[in-house]
Amino acid sequence: MKHNIGEIISAAPFLSTTINPQIAEILIGDGSDDNPYLVSVILKIYLDTGQEMRPYACIYNSAEEEVLLSPGTKFVLKPCKKIDDKEQRWL
């Protein structure tokens, strides 16, 4: 992802997201993987609901406070920063 800053990326499958930052942190885990080339990343996504875009659905009865994004939803990737020094987690 570091090499794609400023680029447009597209979600191939449906993308399950949450509006709750605490739930996002639980879902990515602690980043402790034996592979140093894998990291956990929380993507902060801003949706301009006034713009024409692919459909999305807020699933309000979900314990995860889920927002489901359609395949082909496009994003511009902004710089990420490390959440903490101990774990391989980024925001």
C-alpha atoms as a PDB file:
ATOM      1  CA  MET A   1       0.000   0.000   0.000  1.00  0.00           C
ATOM      2  CA  LYS A   2       2.899   2.375   0.706  1.00  0.00           C
ATOM      3  CA  HIS A   3       3.746   2.379  -2.988  1.00  0.00           C
ATOM      4  CA  ASN A   4       0.196   3.324  -4.030  1.00  0.00           C
ATOM      5  CA  ILE A   5      -0.283   6.584  -2.070  1.00  0.00           C
ATOM      6  CA  GLY A   6      -2.430   8.986  -4.106  1.00  0.00           C
ATOM      7  CA  GLU A   7      -3.548   6.221  -6.451  1.00  0.00           C
ATOM      8  CA  ILE A   8      -7.140   5.126  -7.005  1.00  0.00           C
ATOM      9  CA  ILE A   9      -7.790   1.640  -5.673  1.00  0.00           C
ATOM     10  CA  SER A  10     -10.912  -0.427  -6.233  1.00  0.00           C
ATOM     11  CA  ALA A  11     -12.571  -3.041  -4.038  1.00  0.00           C
ATOM     12  CA  ALA A  12     -13.045  -6.218  -6.082  1.00  0.00           C
ATOM     13  CA  PRO A  13     -15.512  -8.059  -3.789  1.00  0.00           C
ATOM     14  CA  PHE A  14     -18.089  -6.582  -1.443  1.00  0.00           C
ATOM     15  CA  LEU A  15     -16.254  -4.685   1.284  1.00  0.00           C
ATOM     16  CA  SER A  16     -17.514  -5.073   4.840  1.00  0.00           C
ATOM     17  CA  THR A  17     -16.694  -2.035   6.981  1.00  0.00           C
ATOM     18  CA  THR A  18     -17.718  -0.639  10.357  1.00  0.00           C
ATOM     19  CA  ILE A  19     -18.461   2.885  11.541  1.00  0.00           C
ATOM     20  CA  ASN A  20     -17.183   2.023  15.028  1.00  0.00           C
ATOM     21  CA  PRO A  21     -13.390   2.511  15.486  1.00  0.00           C
ATOM     22  CA  GLN A  22     -13.289   0.205  18.524  1.00  0.00           C
ATOM     23  CA  ILE A  23     -14.849  -2.626  16.529  1.00  0.00           C
ATOM     24  CA  ALA A  24     -12.362  -2.014  13.700  1.00  0.00           C
ATOM     25  CA  GLU A  25      -9.467  -2.406  16.159  1.00  0.00           C
ATOM     26  CA  ILE A  26     -10.933  -5.677  17.455  1.00  0.00           C
ATOM     27  CA  LEU A  27     -11.412  -7.014  13.920  1.00  0.00           C
ATOM     28  CA  ILE A  28      -7.834  -6.325  12.778  1.00  0.00           C
ATOM     29  CA  GLY A  29      -6.369  -8.080  15.807  1.00  0.00           C
ATOM     30  CA  ASP A  30      -3.062  -7.192  17.367  1.00  0.00           C
ATOM     31  CA  GLY A  31      -0.999  -7.420  14.195  1.00  0.00           C
ATOM     32  CA  SER A  32       1.127 -10.182  15.681  1.00  0.00           C
ATOM     33  CA  ASP A  33       1.828 -12.417  12.739  1.00  0.00           C
ATOM     34  CA  ASP A  34       4.953 -14.462  12.182  1.00  0.00           C
ATOM     35  CA  ASN A  35       5.318 -12.906   8.733  1.00  0.00           C
ATOM     36  CA  PRO A  36       7.043  -9.477   8.992  1.00  0.00           C
ATOM     37  CA  TYR A  37       5.713  -8.573   5.528  1.00  0.00           C
ATOM     38  CA  LEU A  38       2.074  -8.692   6.677  1.00  0.00           C
ATOM     39  CA  VAL A  39       0.517  -5.864   8.668  1.00  0.00           C
ATOM     40  CA  SER A  40      -2.998  -5.011   9.863  1.00  0.00           C
ATOM     41  CA  VAL A  41      -4.436  -1.789   8.416  1.00  0.00           C
ATOM     42  CA  ILE A  42      -7.518   0.208   9.376  1.00  0.00           C
ATOM     43  CA  LEU A  43      -8.765   2.233   6.417  1.00  0.00           C
ATOM     44  CA  LYS A  44     -10.647   5.404   7.289  1.00  0.00           C
ATOM     45  CA  ILE A  45     -13.150   5.808   4.451  1.00  0.00           C
ATOM     46  CA  TYR A  46     -15.007   9.037   3.751  1.00  0.00           C
ATOM     47  CA  LEU A  47     -18.161   8.658   1.647  1.00  0.00           C
ATOM     48  CA  ASP A  48     -19.560  11.742  -0.035  1.00  0.00           C
ATOM     49  CA  THR A  49     -23.203  10.732  -0.023  1.00  0.00           C
ATOM     50  CA  GLY A  50     -24.044  13.763  -2.175  1.00  0.00           C
ATOM     51  CA  GLN A  51     -22.040  12.353  -5.085  1.00  0.00           C
ATOM     52  CA  GLU A  52     -23.260   9.677  -7.468  1.00  0.00           C
ATOM     53  CA  MET A  53     -21.504   6.494  -6.436  1.00  0.00           C
ATOM     54  CA  ARG A  54     -21.845   2.753  -6.265  1.00  0.00           C
ATOM     55  CA  PRO A  55     -24.502   1.521  -3.850  1.00  0.00           C
ATOM     56  CA  TYR A  56     -23.717   0.944  -0.211  1.00  0.00           C
ATOM     57  CA  ALA A  57     -25.844  -0.353   2.642  1.00  0.00           C
ATOM     58  CA  CYS A  58     -25.838   0.533   6.326  1.00  0.00           C
ATOM     59  CA  ILE A  59     -26.698  -2.599   8.289  1.00  0.00           C
ATOM     60  CA  TYR A  60     -28.038  -1.059  11.486  1.00  0.00           C
ATOM     61  CA  ASN A  61     -29.095  -4.248  13.258  1.00  0.00           C
ATOM     62  CA  SER A  62     -25.535  -5.584  13.017  1.00  0.00           C
ATOM     63  CA  ALA A  63     -23.491  -5.796  16.224  1.00  0.00           C
ATOM     64  CA  GLU A  64     -20.530  -4.670  14.114  1.00  0.00           C
ATOM     65  CA  GLU A  65     -22.289  -1.425  13.005  1.00  0.00           C
ATOM     66  CA  GLU A  66     -21.547  -2.550   9.465  1.00  0.00           C
ATOM     67  CA  VAL A  67     -21.570  -0.608   6.213  1.00  0.00           C
ATOM     68  CA  LEU A  68     -21.377  -2.841   3.142  1.00  0.00           C
ATOM     69  CA  LEU A  69     -19.723  -1.324   0.048  1.00  0.00           C
ATOM     70  CA  SER A  70     -20.382  -2.621  -3.474  1.00  0.00           C
ATOM     71  CA  PRO A  71     -17.780  -4.306  -5.662  1.00  0.00           C
ATOM     72  CA  GLY A  72     -15.955  -1.722  -7.758  1.00  0.00           C
ATOM     73  CA  THR A  73     -16.153   1.016  -5.114  1.00  0.00           C
ATOM     74  CA  LYS A  74     -13.123   3.245  -5.711  1.00  0.00           C
ATOM     75  CA  PHE A  75     -10.924   5.004  -3.163  1.00  0.00           C
ATOM     76  CA  VAL A  76      -7.951   7.356  -3.237  1.00  0.00           C
ATOM     77  CA  LEU A  77      -5.283   6.019  -0.914  1.00  0.00           C
ATOM     78  CA  LYS A  78      -3.859   8.585   1.535  1.00  0.00           C
ATOM     79  CA  PRO A  79      -0.695   8.157   3.643  1.00  0.00           C
ATOM     80  CA  CYS A  80      -0.896   5.730   6.573  1.00  0.00           C
ATOM     81  CA  LYS A  81       0.743   6.012   9.978  1.00  0.00           C
ATOM     82  CA  LYS A  82       1.676   3.338  12.479  1.00  0.00           C
ATOM     83  CA  ILE A  83      -0.801   3.096  15.380  1.00  0.00           C
ATOM     84  CA  ASP A  84       1.805   1.883  17.864  1.00  0.00           C
ATOM     85  CA  ASP A  85       5.434   0.777  17.889  1.00  0.00           C
ATOM     86  CA  LYS A  86       4.868  -2.637  19.477  1.00  0.00           C
ATOM     87  CA  GLU A  87       2.473  -4.077  16.934  1.00  0.00           C
ATOM     88  CA  GLN A  88       2.234  -4.178  13.143  1.00  0.00           C
ATOM     89  CA  ARG A  89      -0.947  -2.076  12.982  1.00  0.00           C
ATOM     90  CA  TRP A  90      -1.503   0.958  10.764  1.00  0.00           C
ATOM     91  CA  LEU A  91      -4.227   3.599  10.257  1.00  0.00           C
END
